[in-house]
Amino acid sequence: MSAQPDPVRRAAADERGWSALHGGLTPSALVRLWLRGVQRVARLGPVARIPPDVLSAAGVAVCGGAAALAGRWPFAAAALVVLAGILDGLDGAVALHTGRARPLGAVVDAVADRAGDLLLVATLAVLGAPPSWCVAAGALTLVHEYLRARAGAVGMPGVGAVTVAERPTRVVIVAVACLGAGSWPVGTPSTGWNWGTVSVVLWLVAGVVGFAHLCVGVVRTTPRRFPDDPAPR
């Protein structure tokens, strides 16, 4: 039997590395396609030389740029939101490719993601979403991720559940909001609501459904006892 070609082995290794960084989660076909694209970029010489933590910080800065530009240049803001989504995957890909994956890097990545989430919500506020709704959307996202982190800290294997409210969904919602604001500045067709308002409603709906889904996953997969607890008599 002939050996697997290098690209096949490399793709399999990339998937195993991504799975290890995401609690043993098996990537879907769409995620596999995304991983292959991001890993190709991560192997480029100039990109591979950038420290992963710098890429994480760059993602936050790009989200801040999107919030700053959304009011006057929504198309530019949309491009920055898409770039932030790419950087979100690229920091981990570079860490895996260069052997620089480490626990502290995962912490930096998580903190950068949460800061980026809040800046994405701020982008919707700039596009006209009610501030109180934006606060609710940001708080719901933080609680969603905090629940997962705490469950993992007490022994939950994996991520509990992959929900409709994960970060790619947030990025897509904000990117579409920016594109819509640039294309139809008078508001969304049929409703006339501004794009920020419609998008923050979508964020909240996805967040509520996703949080309920994650709660079920956490209850089902979190161990009943701490590993070092004595067995019941």
Protein backbone atom coordinates (compact mmCIF):
# COMPACT_ATOMS: atom_id res chain seq x y z
CA MET A 1 0.00 0.00 0.00
CA SER A 2 1.39 3.40 -0.91
CA ALA A 3 1.96 6.01 1.75
CA GLN A 4 -0.38 8.94 2.03
CA PRO A 5 0.82 12.01 0.13
CA ASP A 6 2.23 14.75 2.31
CA PRO A 7 -0.72 17.15 1.80
CA VAL A 8 -3.17 14.51 3.03
CA ARG A 9 -1.10 13.73 6.13
CA ARG A 10 -0.62 17.43 6.75
CA ALA A 11 -4.37 18.14 6.51
CA ALA A 12 -5.08 15.27 8.93
CA ALA A 13 -2.48 16.62 11.35
CA ASP A 14 -4.03 20.09 11.09
CA GLU A 15 -7.46 18.68 11.93
CA ARG A 16 -6.08 16.77 14.92
CA GLY A 17 -4.32 19.88 16.19
CA TRP A 18 -7.45 22.00 15.79
CA SER A 19 -9.53 19.34 17.54
CA ALA A 20 -7.06 19.22 20.46
CA LEU A 21 -7.31 22.99 20.88
CA HIS A 22 -11.13 22.82 20.82
CA GLY A 23 -11.78 20.17 23.44
CA GLY A 24 -11.72 17.16 21.11
CA LEU A 25 -14.41 18.59 18.82
CA THR A 26 -14.61 16.86 15.43
CA PRO A 27 -14.62 19.50 12.67
CA SER A 28 -17.52 19.51 10.26
CA ALA A 29 -17.02 19.47 6.49
CA LEU A 30 -17.38 23.26 6.37
CA VAL A 31 -14.88 23.72 9.20
CA ARG A 32 -12.45 21.35 7.44
CA LEU A 33 -12.66 23.50 4.32
CA TRP A 34 -12.06 26.63 6.39
CA LEU A 35 -9.13 25.01 8.19
CA ARG A 36 -7.41 24.09 4.96
CA GLY A 37 -7.63 27.65 3.70
CA VAL A 38 -6.42 29.20 6.96
CA GLN A 39 -3.59 26.68 7.29
CA ARG A 40 -2.36 27.51 3.80
CA VAL A 41 -2.15 31.17 4.78
CA ALA A 42 -0.48 30.24 8.07
CA ARG A 43 2.30 28.42 6.19
CA LEU A 44 3.27 31.51 4.20
CA GLY A 45 6.70 32.66 5.34
CA PRO A 46 5.82 36.23 6.39
CA VAL A 47 2.66 35.11 8.21
CA ALA A 48 4.32 32.16 9.97
CA ARG A 49 6.91 34.50 11.47
CA ILE A 50 4.26 36.60 13.25
CA PRO A 51 3.78 35.54 16.90
CA PRO A 52 0.27 34.10 17.42
CA ASP A 53 -0.39 36.52 20.31
CA VAL A 54 0.29 39.42 17.94
CA LEU A 55 -2.29 38.03 15.53
CA SER A 56 -4.80 37.77 18.40
CA ALA A 57 -4.14 41.40 19.35
CA ALA A 58 -4.40 42.44 15.71
CA GLY A 59 -7.86 40.88 15.57
CA VAL A 60 -8.98 43.09 18.45
CA ALA A 61 -7.48 46.17 16.79
CA VAL A 62 -9.24 45.35 13.52
CA CYS A 63 -12.58 45.01 15.33
CA GLY A 64 -11.95 48.42 16.87
CA GLY A 65 -11.26 49.82 13.43
CA ALA A 66 -14.56 48.42 12.17
CA ALA A 67 -16.44 50.15 14.98
CA ALA A 68 -14.66 53.42 14.21
CA LEU A 69 -15.38 53.29 10.47
CA ALA A 70 -18.91 51.84 10.44
CA GLY A 71 -20.67 55.18 10.68
CA ARG A 72 -19.01 56.80 7.65
CA TRP A 73 -17.52 53.94 5.65
CA PRO A 74 -19.62 50.82 6.24
CA PHE A 75 -18.06 48.90 3.33
CA ALA A 76 -14.60 49.41 4.81
CA ALA A 77 -15.98 48.31 8.18
CA ALA A 78 -17.38 45.14 6.57
CA ALA A 79 -13.96 44.34 5.11
CA LEU A 80 -12.37 44.79 8.55
CA VAL A 81 -14.97 42.52 10.18
CA VAL A 82 -14.18 39.79 7.64
CA LEU A 83 -10.47 40.31 8.29
CA ALA A 84 -11.10 39.96 12.03
CA GLY A 85 -12.77 36.61 11.35
CA ILE A 86 -9.73 35.47 9.38
CA LEU A 87 -7.34 36.58 12.12
CA ASP A 88 -9.48 34.70 14.65
CA GLY A 89 -8.60 31.45 12.91
CA LEU A 90 -5.12 32.44 11.83
CA ASP A 91 -3.60 32.88 15.30
CA GLY A 92 -4.34 29.27 16.23
CA ALA A 93 -3.28 28.02 12.81
CA VAL A 94 0.09 29.73 13.06
CA ALA A 95 0.55 28.42 16.60
CA LEU A 96 -0.05 24.86 15.41
CA HIS A 97 2.05 25.17 12.27
CA THR A 98 5.07 26.63 14.06
CA GLY A 99 4.82 24.53 17.23
CA ARG A 100 4.05 27.57 19.38
CA ALA A 101 0.66 26.39 20.71
CA ARG A 102 0.63 26.73 24.50
CA PRO A 103 -1.95 27.08 27.28
CA LEU A 104 -1.20 30.78 27.86
CA GLY A 105 -1.72 31.42 24.16
CA ALA A 106 -5.17 29.85 24.40
CA VAL A 107 -5.95 32.25 27.26
CA VAL A 108 -4.75 35.24 25.23
CA ASP A 109 -6.86 34.07 22.28
CA ALA A 110 -9.98 33.71 24.44
CA VAL A 111 -9.58 37.15 26.00
CA ALA A 112 -8.95 38.69 22.57
CA ASP A 113 -12.09 37.01 21.22
CA ARG A 114 -14.22 38.42 24.03
CA ALA A 115 -12.81 41.92 23.53
CA GLY A 116 -13.48 41.56 19.82
CA ASP A 117 -17.06 40.47 20.51
CA LEU A 118 -17.71 43.63 22.51
CA LEU A 119 -16.26 45.75 19.71
CA LEU A 120 -18.49 43.96 17.21
CA VAL A 121 -21.49 44.86 19.34
CA ALA A 122 -20.21 48.44 19.42
CA THR A 123 -20.18 48.36 15.62
CA LEU A 124 -23.89 47.57 15.64
CA ALA A 125 -24.46 50.47 18.01
CA VAL A 126 -22.66 52.77 15.58
CA LEU A 127 -24.97 51.48 12.84
CA GLY A 128 -27.99 52.54 14.91
CA ALA A 129 -28.82 49.64 17.22
CA PRO A 130 -30.34 50.74 20.57
CA PRO A 131 -27.55 50.92 23.19
CA SER A 132 -29.55 48.93 25.74
CA TRP A 133 -30.02 46.09 23.24
CA CYS A 134 -26.31 46.16 22.48
CA VAL A 135 -25.52 45.89 26.19
CA ALA A 136 -27.85 42.90 26.43
CA ALA A 137 -26.23 41.26 23.39
CA GLY A 138 -22.74 41.75 24.79
CA ALA A 139 -23.71 40.47 28.23
CA LEU A 140 -25.42 37.39 26.75
CA THR A 141 -22.29 36.57 24.74
CA LEU A 142 -20.03 36.92 27.78
CA VAL A 143 -22.31 34.70 29.88
CA HIS A 144 -22.41 32.10 27.08
CA GLU A 145 -18.63 31.90 26.94
CA TYR A 146 -18.22 32.08 30.72
CA LEU A 147 -20.56 29.13 31.17
CA ARG A 148 -18.48 27.07 28.77
CA ALA A 149 -15.20 28.10 30.39
CA ARG A 150 -16.38 27.32 33.93
CA ALA A 151 -17.82 23.97 32.90
CA GLY A 152 -14.52 23.10 31.25
CA ALA A 153 -12.62 24.14 34.36
CA VAL A 154 -14.57 21.68 36.53
CA GLY A 155 -14.09 18.77 34.17
CA MET A 156 -16.51 19.02 31.26
CA PRO A 157 -14.91 17.27 28.28
CA GLY A 158 -15.04 19.17 25.01
CA VAL A 159 -17.06 22.34 24.45
CA GLY A 160 -20.46 21.15 25.69
CA ALA A 161 -22.24 21.96 22.44
CA VAL A 162 -21.59 23.83 19.22
CA THR A 163 -24.43 26.33 19.08
CA VAL A 164 -25.87 28.80 16.58
CA ALA A 165 -24.39 31.61 18.67
CA GLU A 166 -20.69 30.85 18.15
CA ARG A 167 -18.26 33.55 17.09
CA PRO A 168 -18.50 32.92 13.32
CA THR A 169 -22.22 33.70 13.55
CA ARG A 170 -21.47 37.00 15.29
CA VAL A 171 -18.91 37.93 12.66
CA VAL A 172 -21.31 37.14 9.82
CA ILE A 173 -24.14 39.15 11.43
CA VAL A 174 -21.98 42.26 11.83
CA ALA A 175 -20.43 41.94 8.37
CA VAL A 176 -23.88 41.70 6.79
CA ALA A 177 -25.03 44.68 8.85
CA CYS A 178 -22.15 46.78 7.52
CA LEU A 179 -22.74 45.68 3.93
CA GLY A 180 -26.47 46.37 4.28
CA ALA A 181 -25.86 49.82 5.74
CA GLY A 182 -23.62 50.66 2.80
CA SER A 183 -25.97 49.24 0.15
CA TRP A 184 -29.35 50.32 1.60
CA PRO A 185 -28.69 53.16 4.04
CA VAL A 186 -32.41 53.91 4.44
CA GLY A 187 -32.92 50.63 6.29
CA THR A 188 -33.70 46.99 5.74
CA PRO A 189 -36.22 46.16 3.00
CA SER A 190 -39.85 45.78 4.14
CA THR A 191 -39.18 46.86 7.74
CA GLY A 192 -37.36 50.16 7.31
CA TRP A 193 -35.41 49.47 10.51
CA ASN A 194 -31.78 50.44 10.46
CA TRP A 195 -29.31 47.63 9.91
CA GLY A 196 -27.86 47.88 13.38
CA THR A 197 -31.22 47.26 15.02
CA VAL A 198 -32.14 44.30 12.81
CA SER A 199 -28.72 42.75 13.33
CA VAL A 200 -28.68 43.13 17.10
CA VAL A 201 -32.10 41.42 17.20
CA LEU A 202 -30.63 38.54 15.20
CA TRP A 203 -27.66 38.44 17.59
CA LEU A 204 -29.99 38.29 20.60
CA VAL A 205 -32.21 35.58 19.12
CA ALA A 206 -29.20 33.45 18.18
CA GLY A 207 -27.72 34.14 21.62
CA VAL A 208 -30.79 32.99 23.53
CA VAL A 209 -31.17 29.83 21.44
CA GLY A 210 -27.45 29.13 21.65
CA PHE A 211 -27.32 29.65 25.40
CA ALA A 212 -30.21 27.23 25.94
CA HIS A 213 -28.47 24.67 23.71
CA LEU A 214 -25.20 25.09 25.59
CA CYS A 215 -26.93 24.71 28.97
CA VAL A 216 -28.30 21.36 27.85
CA GLY A 217 -24.87 20.29 26.64
CA VAL A 218 -23.20 21.36 29.88
CA VAL A 219 -25.73 19.48 32.02
CA ARG A 220 -25.32 16.34 29.92
CA THR A 221 -21.54 16.25 29.76
CA THR A 222 -20.24 17.80 32.98
CA PRO A 223 -19.12 15.08 35.45
CA ARG A 224 -21.30 14.51 38.49
CA ARG A 225 -18.30 14.66 40.82
CA PHE A 226 -14.90 16.25 40.92
CA PRO A 227 -12.20 13.74 39.95
CA ASP A 228 -10.66 13.68 43.45
CA ASP A 229 -13.94 13.44 45.37
CA PRO A 230 -14.27 10.28 47.47
CA ALA A 231 -16.79 7.77 46.23
CA PRO A 232 -20.12 7.74 48.06
CA ARG A 233 -20.33 5.25 50.94
